[in-house]
N, C-alpha and C. Protein backbone atom coordinates (compact mmCIF):
# COMPACT_ATOMS: atom_id res chain seq x y z
N MET A 1 112.84 118.90 126.83
CA MET A 1 113.95 118.01 126.69
C MET A 1 113.57 116.80 125.82
N ASP A 2 112.58 117.00 124.99
CA ASP A 2 112.17 115.92 124.09
C ASP A 2 113.29 115.56 123.13
N GLY A 3 114.09 116.55 122.75
CA GLY A 3 115.20 116.29 121.84
C GLY A 3 116.21 115.34 122.42
N ILE A 4 116.35 115.35 123.73
CA ILE A 4 117.30 114.45 124.38
C ILE A 4 116.78 113.01 124.28
N ARG A 5 115.51 112.83 124.57
CA ARG A 5 114.96 111.46 124.50
C ARG A 5 114.92 110.95 123.07
N THR A 6 114.54 111.81 122.13
CA THR A 6 114.50 111.36 120.74
C THR A 6 115.91 111.10 120.22
N GLY A 7 116.87 111.89 120.67
CA GLY A 7 118.26 111.64 120.28
C GLY A 7 118.75 110.30 120.77
N ARG A 8 118.37 109.94 121.98
CA ARG A 8 118.77 108.65 122.54
C ARG A 8 118.09 107.51 121.78
N GLN A 9 116.82 107.73 121.39
CA GLN A 9 116.10 106.70 120.63
C GLN A 9 116.69 106.52 119.24
N LYS A 10 117.29 107.58 118.71
CA LYS A 10 117.92 107.51 117.39
C LYS A 10 119.32 106.89 117.45
N GLY A 11 119.77 106.62 118.68
CA GLY A 11 121.06 105.95 118.81
C GLY A 11 122.21 106.84 119.22
N MET A 12 121.94 108.07 119.60
CA MET A 12 123.01 108.96 120.05
C MET A 12 123.50 108.51 121.42
N SER A 13 124.78 108.64 121.67
CA SER A 13 125.31 108.30 122.98
C SER A 13 125.01 109.44 123.95
N PHE A 14 125.16 109.16 125.25
CA PHE A 14 124.93 110.19 126.25
C PHE A 14 125.93 111.33 126.09
N ALA A 15 127.15 111.00 125.72
CA ALA A 15 128.18 112.02 125.52
C ALA A 15 127.82 112.93 124.34
N GLU A 16 127.31 112.37 123.27
CA GLU A 16 126.90 113.18 122.11
C GLU A 16 125.74 114.11 122.47
N ILE A 17 124.80 113.56 123.23
CA ILE A 17 123.66 114.36 123.66
C ILE A 17 124.13 115.50 124.56
N ALA A 18 125.04 115.20 125.48
CA ALA A 18 125.56 116.22 126.39
C ALA A 18 126.26 117.33 125.62
N ARG A 19 127.06 116.97 124.62
CA ARG A 19 127.75 117.99 123.81
C ARG A 19 126.77 118.82 123.01
N LYS A 20 125.75 118.17 122.44
CA LYS A 20 124.79 118.87 121.60
C LYS A 20 123.98 119.90 122.39
N TYR A 21 123.57 119.53 123.59
CA TYR A 21 122.70 120.40 124.39
C TYR A 21 123.45 121.14 125.50
N TYR A 22 124.78 121.07 125.49
CA TYR A 22 125.62 121.77 126.48
C TYR A 22 125.23 121.38 127.91
N LEU A 23 125.14 120.08 128.15
CA LEU A 23 124.79 119.56 129.47
C LEU A 23 125.92 118.72 130.03
N ASP A 24 125.87 118.50 131.32
CA ASP A 24 126.76 117.55 131.95
C ASP A 24 126.34 116.15 131.52
N LEU A 25 127.29 115.25 131.44
CA LEU A 25 127.01 113.89 131.00
C LEU A 25 125.96 113.22 131.89
N ARG A 26 126.06 113.42 133.20
CA ARG A 26 125.10 112.80 134.12
C ARG A 26 123.70 113.36 133.93
N ILE A 27 123.60 114.66 133.68
CA ILE A 27 122.29 115.28 133.45
C ILE A 27 121.69 114.79 132.15
N ALA A 28 122.50 114.68 131.11
CA ALA A 28 122.01 114.16 129.83
C ALA A 28 121.47 112.74 129.99
N LYS A 29 122.19 111.92 130.74
CA LYS A 29 121.75 110.55 130.98
C LYS A 29 120.45 110.53 131.77
N LYS A 30 120.37 111.39 132.79
CA LYS A 30 119.17 111.46 133.62
C LYS A 30 117.94 111.85 132.78
N TYR A 31 118.09 112.86 131.92
CA TYR A 31 116.97 113.30 131.08
C TYR A 31 116.62 112.25 130.04
N ALA A 32 117.62 111.60 129.46
CA ALA A 32 117.37 110.61 128.42
C ALA A 32 116.66 109.38 128.98
N MET A 33 116.99 109.00 130.20
CA MET A 33 116.40 107.81 130.81
C MET A 33 115.05 108.11 131.47
N SER A 34 114.71 109.37 131.63
CA SER A 34 113.48 109.76 132.31
C SER A 34 112.27 109.44 131.45
N GLU A 35 111.24 108.91 132.09
CA GLU A 35 109.98 108.62 131.40
C GLU A 35 109.04 109.81 131.47
N ILE A 36 109.26 110.68 132.43
CA ILE A 36 108.37 111.81 132.65
C ILE A 36 108.85 112.99 131.81
N LYS A 37 107.90 113.62 131.13
CA LYS A 37 108.24 114.81 130.35
C LYS A 37 108.36 115.98 131.31
N LEU A 38 109.47 116.67 131.26
CA LEU A 38 109.71 117.81 132.14
C LEU A 38 108.90 119.01 131.67
N VAL A 39 108.21 119.63 132.60
CA VAL A 39 107.38 120.79 132.29
C VAL A 39 107.94 121.98 133.06
N TYR A 40 108.20 123.04 132.34
CA TYR A 40 108.70 124.26 132.96
C TYR A 40 107.65 125.34 132.81
N LYS A 41 107.49 126.13 133.84
CA LYS A 41 106.58 127.25 133.73
C LYS A 41 107.33 128.52 134.12
N LEU A 42 107.01 129.59 133.46
CA LEU A 42 107.66 130.86 133.72
C LEU A 42 107.03 131.52 134.94
N THR A 43 107.84 132.15 135.72
CA THR A 43 107.35 132.86 136.89
C THR A 43 107.47 134.36 136.66
N GLN A 44 106.73 135.10 137.43
CA GLN A 44 106.80 136.55 137.34
C GLN A 44 108.14 137.02 137.92
N PRO A 45 108.72 138.06 137.36
CA PRO A 45 109.97 138.57 137.93
C PRO A 45 109.76 139.06 139.35
N LYS A 46 110.73 138.79 140.20
CA LYS A 46 110.64 139.20 141.60
C LYS A 46 111.04 140.66 141.74
N PRO A 47 110.40 141.38 142.65
CA PRO A 47 110.78 142.78 142.83
C PRO A 47 112.16 142.89 143.47
N SER A 48 112.84 143.97 143.17
CA SER A 48 114.15 144.22 143.74
C SER A 48 114.00 144.66 145.19
N LYS A 49 115.02 144.40 145.98
CA LYS A 49 114.98 144.84 147.37
C LYS A 49 115.09 146.36 147.47
N LEU A 50 115.59 146.99 146.41
CA LEU A 50 115.73 148.44 146.43
C LEU A 50 114.50 149.16 145.88
N ASP A 51 113.50 148.44 145.42
CA ASP A 51 112.31 149.07 144.86
C ASP A 51 111.67 150.11 145.78
N PRO A 52 111.52 149.85 147.08
CA PRO A 52 110.92 150.88 147.94
C PRO A 52 111.76 152.16 148.04
N TYR A 53 113.04 152.07 147.73
CA TYR A 53 113.95 153.20 147.91
C TYR A 53 114.35 153.86 146.58
N LYS A 54 113.85 153.37 145.47
CA LYS A 54 114.29 153.87 144.16
C LYS A 54 114.05 155.37 144.00
N GLN A 55 112.92 155.85 144.45
CA GLN A 55 112.61 157.27 144.30
C GLN A 55 113.63 158.12 145.07
N GLN A 56 113.95 157.73 146.30
CA GLN A 56 114.91 158.48 147.11
C GLN A 56 116.30 158.41 146.50
N ILE A 57 116.67 157.26 145.98
CA ILE A 57 117.99 157.10 145.35
C ILE A 57 118.09 158.01 144.14
N ASN A 58 117.04 158.07 143.34
CA ASN A 58 117.05 158.95 142.17
C ASN A 58 117.19 160.41 142.57
N VAL A 59 116.54 160.80 143.66
CA VAL A 59 116.68 162.18 144.16
C VAL A 59 118.12 162.44 144.56
N TRP A 60 118.73 161.50 145.30
CA TRP A 60 120.13 161.67 145.73
C TRP A 60 121.07 161.77 144.53
N LEU A 61 120.84 160.91 143.54
CA LEU A 61 121.71 160.95 142.36
C LEU A 61 121.56 162.26 141.61
N GLU A 62 120.34 162.74 141.51
CA GLU A 62 120.11 164.02 140.83
C GLU A 62 120.78 165.16 141.59
N GLU A 63 120.68 165.16 142.91
CA GLU A 63 121.34 166.20 143.71
C GLU A 63 122.85 166.15 143.53
N ARG A 64 123.40 164.96 143.52
CA ARG A 64 124.85 164.82 143.37
C ARG A 64 125.29 165.31 142.00
N HIS A 65 124.50 164.97 140.98
CA HIS A 65 124.84 165.39 139.62
C HIS A 65 124.83 166.92 139.52
N THR A 66 123.80 167.56 140.05
CA THR A 66 123.72 169.01 139.94
C THR A 66 124.80 169.68 140.79
N ALA A 67 125.13 169.07 141.92
CA ALA A 67 126.19 169.64 142.77
C ALA A 67 127.53 169.58 142.04
N ARG A 68 127.83 168.47 141.43
CA ARG A 68 129.08 168.35 140.68
C ARG A 68 129.11 169.32 139.51
N HIS A 69 127.99 169.40 138.81
CA HIS A 69 127.92 170.28 137.65
C HIS A 69 128.13 171.73 138.07
N GLY A 70 127.50 172.13 139.17
CA GLY A 70 127.66 173.50 139.66
C GLY A 70 129.10 173.78 140.07
N TYR A 71 129.75 172.83 140.73
CA TYR A 71 131.15 173.00 141.13
C TYR A 71 132.04 173.13 139.91
N TRP A 72 131.82 172.29 138.93
CA TRP A 72 132.65 172.31 137.72
C TRP A 72 132.47 173.64 136.99
N LYS A 73 131.23 174.12 136.89
CA LYS A 73 130.97 175.39 136.22
C LYS A 73 131.65 176.54 136.94
N SER A 74 131.52 176.59 138.27
CA SER A 74 132.11 177.71 139.00
C SER A 74 133.63 177.67 138.94
N SER A 75 134.21 176.48 138.96
CA SER A 75 135.68 176.41 138.89
C SER A 75 136.16 176.83 137.51
N MET A 76 135.40 176.53 136.46
CA MET A 76 135.81 176.93 135.11
C MET A 76 135.68 178.44 134.94
N ILE A 77 134.65 179.05 135.54
CA ILE A 77 134.49 180.50 135.46
C ILE A 77 135.64 181.17 136.19
N TRP A 78 135.97 180.68 137.36
CA TRP A 78 137.09 181.24 138.11
C TRP A 78 138.38 181.09 137.32
N ALA A 79 138.56 179.94 136.71
CA ALA A 79 139.79 179.68 135.97
C ALA A 79 139.89 180.59 134.75
N SER A 80 138.78 180.79 134.05
CA SER A 80 138.85 181.61 132.84
C SER A 80 139.09 183.08 133.20
N GLY A 81 138.60 183.52 134.35
CA GLY A 81 138.82 184.90 134.77
C GLY A 81 140.26 185.15 135.19
N ASN A 82 140.98 184.13 135.56
CA ASN A 82 142.36 184.28 136.01
C ASN A 82 143.36 183.75 134.99
N THR A 83 142.98 183.77 133.73
CA THR A 83 143.81 183.31 132.62
C THR A 83 144.40 181.92 132.88
N TYR A 84 143.57 181.03 133.31
CA TYR A 84 143.95 179.64 133.53
C TYR A 84 143.77 178.91 132.22
N SER A 85 144.77 178.20 131.73
CA SER A 85 144.65 177.57 130.42
C SER A 85 144.71 176.05 130.47
N GLY A 86 144.95 175.47 131.62
CA GLY A 86 145.03 174.01 131.68
C GLY A 86 144.35 173.47 132.91
N LEU A 87 144.41 172.17 133.06
CA LEU A 87 143.79 171.55 134.21
C LEU A 87 144.64 171.73 135.48
N PHE A 88 145.95 171.78 135.33
CA PHE A 88 146.84 171.92 136.47
C PHE A 88 147.74 173.11 136.24
N SER A 89 148.07 173.77 137.30
CA SER A 89 149.02 174.89 137.15
C SER A 89 150.09 174.76 138.22
N ILE A 90 151.29 175.11 137.85
CA ILE A 90 152.42 175.09 138.78
C ILE A 90 152.96 176.50 138.84
N SER A 91 153.00 177.02 140.02
CA SER A 91 153.53 178.38 140.14
C SER A 91 154.85 178.35 140.90
N CYS A 92 155.82 179.02 140.36
CA CYS A 92 157.13 179.09 141.00
C CYS A 92 157.36 180.54 141.44
N LEU A 93 157.73 180.72 142.67
CA LEU A 93 157.98 182.08 143.18
C LEU A 93 159.45 182.37 143.24
């Protein structure tokens, strides 16, 4: 946030600083008036709560995919054997 302090030293108003850095006016004022240089450090990404279950979830998804695919294939084979030409059929007796 050195740009905020240098902007204030160059005569920029708090409102101009807030607009330039997309900050709230109060935050811009707080940073500009601060004597302490803010130091940020990056942290390691946190593991997901689902990480222990990812393998099982992938197995379930794969089973569901193959089950749907098998159903779709068998229904299309049945449909083609019975001269089915569309997705829906209406039969009138």
